[in-house]
Amino acid sequence: MRFGKKGKLSTRYVGLYRILKRIGKVAYELALPADLAAVHPVFPISLLKKCVGEPASIVSLESVAVKDSLYYEDVFVGILDRQFRILRYKEIASFKVLCTS
């Protein structure tokens, strides 16, 4: 398990955390939030990535709102041609489609 998420699609980088102190030549202690209390706060330099952005310019997800007036149009698709290619163990279908708007 990687920071509460399981599987190969879990996030690679967790977030921006302040460095509290340097421990030895190759390790740093980070200020982790309370939900990551089970994770040991000392990390080697090779696992850390430099933050390029300005921390004041980061927008929190709670402040982002979605408008109710957003809409989408249905696009009807007509299938013009269909081909099947047979590989060793499976069959792959490819389609030519006509999009009408």
C-alpha atoms as a PDB file:
ATOM      1  CA  MET A   1       0.000   0.000   0.000  1.00  0.00           C
ATOM      2  CA  ARG A   2       1.243   3.430  -0.886  1.00  0.00           C
ATOM      3  CA  PHE A   3      -0.104   6.215   1.344  1.00  0.00           C
ATOM      4  CA  GLY A   4      -3.579   4.754   1.742  1.00  0.00           C
ATOM      5  CA  LYS A   5      -4.123   3.740  -1.894  1.00  0.00           C
ATOM      6  CA  LYS A   6      -3.626   0.268  -3.254  1.00  0.00           C
ATOM      7  CA  GLY A   7      -2.554  -0.823  -6.718  1.00  0.00           C
ATOM      8  CA  LYS A   8      -0.328   0.314  -9.510  1.00  0.00           C
ATOM      9  CA  LEU A   9      -2.498   3.342 -10.303  1.00  0.00           C
ATOM     10  CA  SER A  10      -1.866   4.943  -6.920  1.00  0.00           C
ATOM     11  CA  THR A  11      -0.354   8.413  -6.891  1.00  0.00           C
ATOM     12  CA  ARG A  12       3.379   8.663  -7.346  1.00  0.00           C
ATOM     13  CA  TYR A  13       3.890  11.966  -5.548  1.00  0.00           C
ATOM     14  CA  VAL A  14       1.895  12.670  -2.412  1.00  0.00           C
ATOM     15  CA  GLY A  15       2.125  16.420  -1.913  1.00  0.00           C
ATOM     16  CA  LEU A  16       4.097  19.448  -0.750  1.00  0.00           C
ATOM     17  CA  TYR A  17       5.463  19.190   2.774  1.00  0.00           C
ATOM     18  CA  ARG A  18       7.803  21.459   4.689  1.00  0.00           C
ATOM     19  CA  ILE A  19      11.227  20.138   5.700  1.00  0.00           C
ATOM     20  CA  LEU A  20      11.659  20.299   9.480  1.00  0.00           C
ATOM     21  CA  LYS A  21      15.303  19.298   9.780  1.00  0.00           C
ATOM     22  CA  ARG A  22      18.150  17.525   8.060  1.00  0.00           C
ATOM     23  CA  ILE A  23      19.120  14.164   9.508  1.00  0.00           C
ATOM     24  CA  GLY A  24      22.593  13.072   8.510  1.00  0.00           C
ATOM     25  CA  LYS A  25      23.840  13.691   4.981  1.00  0.00           C
ATOM     26  CA  VAL A  26      21.112  11.960   2.988  1.00  0.00           C
ATOM     27  CA  ALA A  27      17.834  12.197   4.953  1.00  0.00           C
ATOM     28  CA  TYR A  28      15.247  14.839   5.836  1.00  0.00           C
ATOM     29  CA  GLU A  29      12.406  14.918   8.338  1.00  0.00           C
ATOM     30  CA  LEU A  30       9.144  16.243   6.860  1.00  0.00           C
ATOM     31  CA  ALA A  31       6.124  17.874   8.486  1.00  0.00           C
ATOM     32  CA  LEU A  32       3.386  15.373   7.538  1.00  0.00           C
ATOM     33  CA  PRO A  33      -0.354  15.971   8.164  1.00  0.00           C
ATOM     34  CA  ALA A  34      -2.367  14.005  10.721  1.00  0.00           C
ATOM     35  CA  ASP A  35      -3.876  11.629   8.128  1.00  0.00           C
ATOM     36  CA  LEU A  36      -0.349  10.397   7.318  1.00  0.00           C
ATOM     37  CA  ALA A  37       0.521   9.742  10.970  1.00  0.00           C
ATOM     38  CA  ALA A  38       1.216   6.045  10.227  1.00  0.00           C
ATOM     39  CA  VAL A  39       4.019   7.003   7.803  1.00  0.00           C
ATOM     40  CA  HIS A  40       7.524   7.515   9.189  1.00  0.00           C
ATOM     41  CA  PRO A  41       8.415  11.216   8.637  1.00  0.00           C
ATOM     42  CA  VAL A  42      12.101  10.688   7.690  1.00  0.00           C
ATOM     43  CA  PHE A  43      12.829  10.254   3.962  1.00  0.00           C
ATOM     44  CA  PRO A  44      16.073   9.916   2.008  1.00  0.00           C
ATOM     45  CA  ILE A  45      16.940  12.613  -0.539  1.00  0.00           C
ATOM     46  CA  SER A  46      16.450  10.175  -3.430  1.00  0.00           C
ATOM     47  CA  LEU A  47      12.703   9.883  -2.671  1.00  0.00           C
ATOM     48  CA  LEU A  48      12.085  13.645  -2.502  1.00  0.00           C
ATOM     49  CA  LYS A  49      11.366  15.892  -5.466  1.00  0.00           C
ATOM     50  CA  LYS A  50      12.057  19.615  -5.543  1.00  0.00           C
ATOM     51  CA  CYS A  51       8.985  21.853  -5.544  1.00  0.00           C
ATOM     52  CA  VAL A  52       9.282  24.217  -8.477  1.00  0.00           C
ATOM     53  CA  GLY A  53       6.070  26.192  -7.891  1.00  0.00           C
ATOM     54  CA  GLU A  54       5.253  28.921  -5.413  1.00  0.00           C
ATOM     55  CA  PRO A  55       3.344  27.474  -2.405  1.00  0.00           C
ATOM     56  CA  ALA A  56       1.181  30.620  -2.195  1.00  0.00           C
ATOM     57  CA  SER A  57      -0.125  30.053  -5.749  1.00  0.00           C
ATOM     58  CA  ILE A  58      -1.573  26.604  -4.992  1.00  0.00           C
ATOM     59  CA  VAL A  59      -5.383  26.568  -5.112  1.00  0.00           C
ATOM     60  CA  SER A  60      -7.161  24.308  -2.625  1.00  0.00           C
ATOM     61  CA  LEU A  61      -9.723  21.866  -4.027  1.00  0.00           C
ATOM     62  CA  GLU A  62     -12.413  23.076  -1.612  1.00  0.00           C
ATOM     63  CA  SER A  63     -12.441  26.534  -3.202  1.00  0.00           C
ATOM     64  CA  VAL A  64     -13.047  25.205  -6.739  1.00  0.00           C
ATOM     65  CA  ALA A  65     -16.751  25.180  -7.640  1.00  0.00           C
ATOM     66  CA  VAL A  66     -18.463  23.631 -10.649  1.00  0.00           C
ATOM     67  CA  LYS A  67     -21.129  25.693 -12.389  1.00  0.00           C
ATOM     68  CA  ASP A  68     -24.575  24.172 -12.846  1.00  0.00           C
ATOM     69  CA  SER A  69     -24.990  25.852 -16.238  1.00  0.00           C
ATOM     70  CA  LEU A  70     -22.439  23.575 -17.944  1.00  0.00           C
ATOM     71  CA  TYR A  71     -23.891  21.334 -20.626  1.00  0.00           C
ATOM     72  CA  TYR A  72     -22.835  19.063 -23.453  1.00  0.00           C
ATOM     73  CA  GLU A  73     -24.272  18.170 -26.820  1.00  0.00           C
ATOM     74  CA  ASP A  74     -25.034  14.623 -27.928  1.00  0.00           C
ATOM     75  CA  VAL A  75     -23.146  13.646 -31.070  1.00  0.00           C
ATOM     76  CA  PHE A  76     -24.702  10.863 -33.083  1.00  0.00           C
ATOM     77  CA  VAL A  77     -22.271   8.441 -34.659  1.00  0.00           C
ATOM     78  CA  GLY A  78     -22.893   6.284 -37.705  1.00  0.00           C
ATOM     79  CA  ILE A  79     -20.705   3.256 -38.418  1.00  0.00           C
ATOM     80  CA  LEU A  80     -19.546   3.240 -42.047  1.00  0.00           C
ATOM     81  CA  ASP A  81     -17.225   0.239 -42.145  1.00  0.00           C
ATOM     82  CA  ARG A  82     -16.006  -2.493 -39.812  1.00  0.00           C
ATOM     83  CA  GLN A  83     -12.856  -4.625 -40.048  1.00  0.00           C
ATOM     84  CA  PHE A  84     -11.669  -7.511 -37.915  1.00  0.00           C
ATOM     85  CA  ARG A  85      -8.013  -8.401 -37.620  1.00  0.00           C
ATOM     86  CA  ILE A  86      -7.153 -11.788 -36.211  1.00  0.00           C
ATOM     87  CA  LEU A  87      -3.989 -12.006 -34.163  1.00  0.00           C
ATOM     88  CA  ARG A  88      -2.672 -15.181 -32.553  1.00  0.00           C
ATOM     89  CA  TYR A  89      -5.010 -15.269 -29.592  1.00  0.00           C
ATOM     90  CA  LYS A  90      -7.516 -12.471 -30.067  1.00  0.00           C
ATOM     91  CA  GLU A  91      -9.570 -10.605 -32.606  1.00  0.00           C
ATOM     92  CA  ILE A  92      -9.348  -6.805 -32.902  1.00  0.00           C
ATOM     93  CA  ALA A  93     -12.186  -4.784 -34.418  1.00  0.00           C
ATOM     94  CA  SER A  94     -11.620  -1.412 -36.085  1.00  0.00           C
ATOM     95  CA  PHE A  95     -14.405   0.909 -37.189  1.00  0.00           C
ATOM     96  CA  LYS A  96     -14.807   3.848 -39.570  1.00  0.00           C
ATOM     97  CA  VAL A  97     -17.373   6.234 -38.108  1.00  0.00           C
ATOM     98  CA  LEU A  98     -19.286   9.263 -39.335  1.00  0.00           C
ATOM     99  CA  CYS A  99     -19.836  11.964 -36.726  1.00  0.00           C
ATOM    100  CA  THR A 100     -22.824  14.199 -37.306  1.00  0.00           C
ATOM    101  CA  SER A 101     -23.260  17.382 -35.345  1.00  0.00           C
END
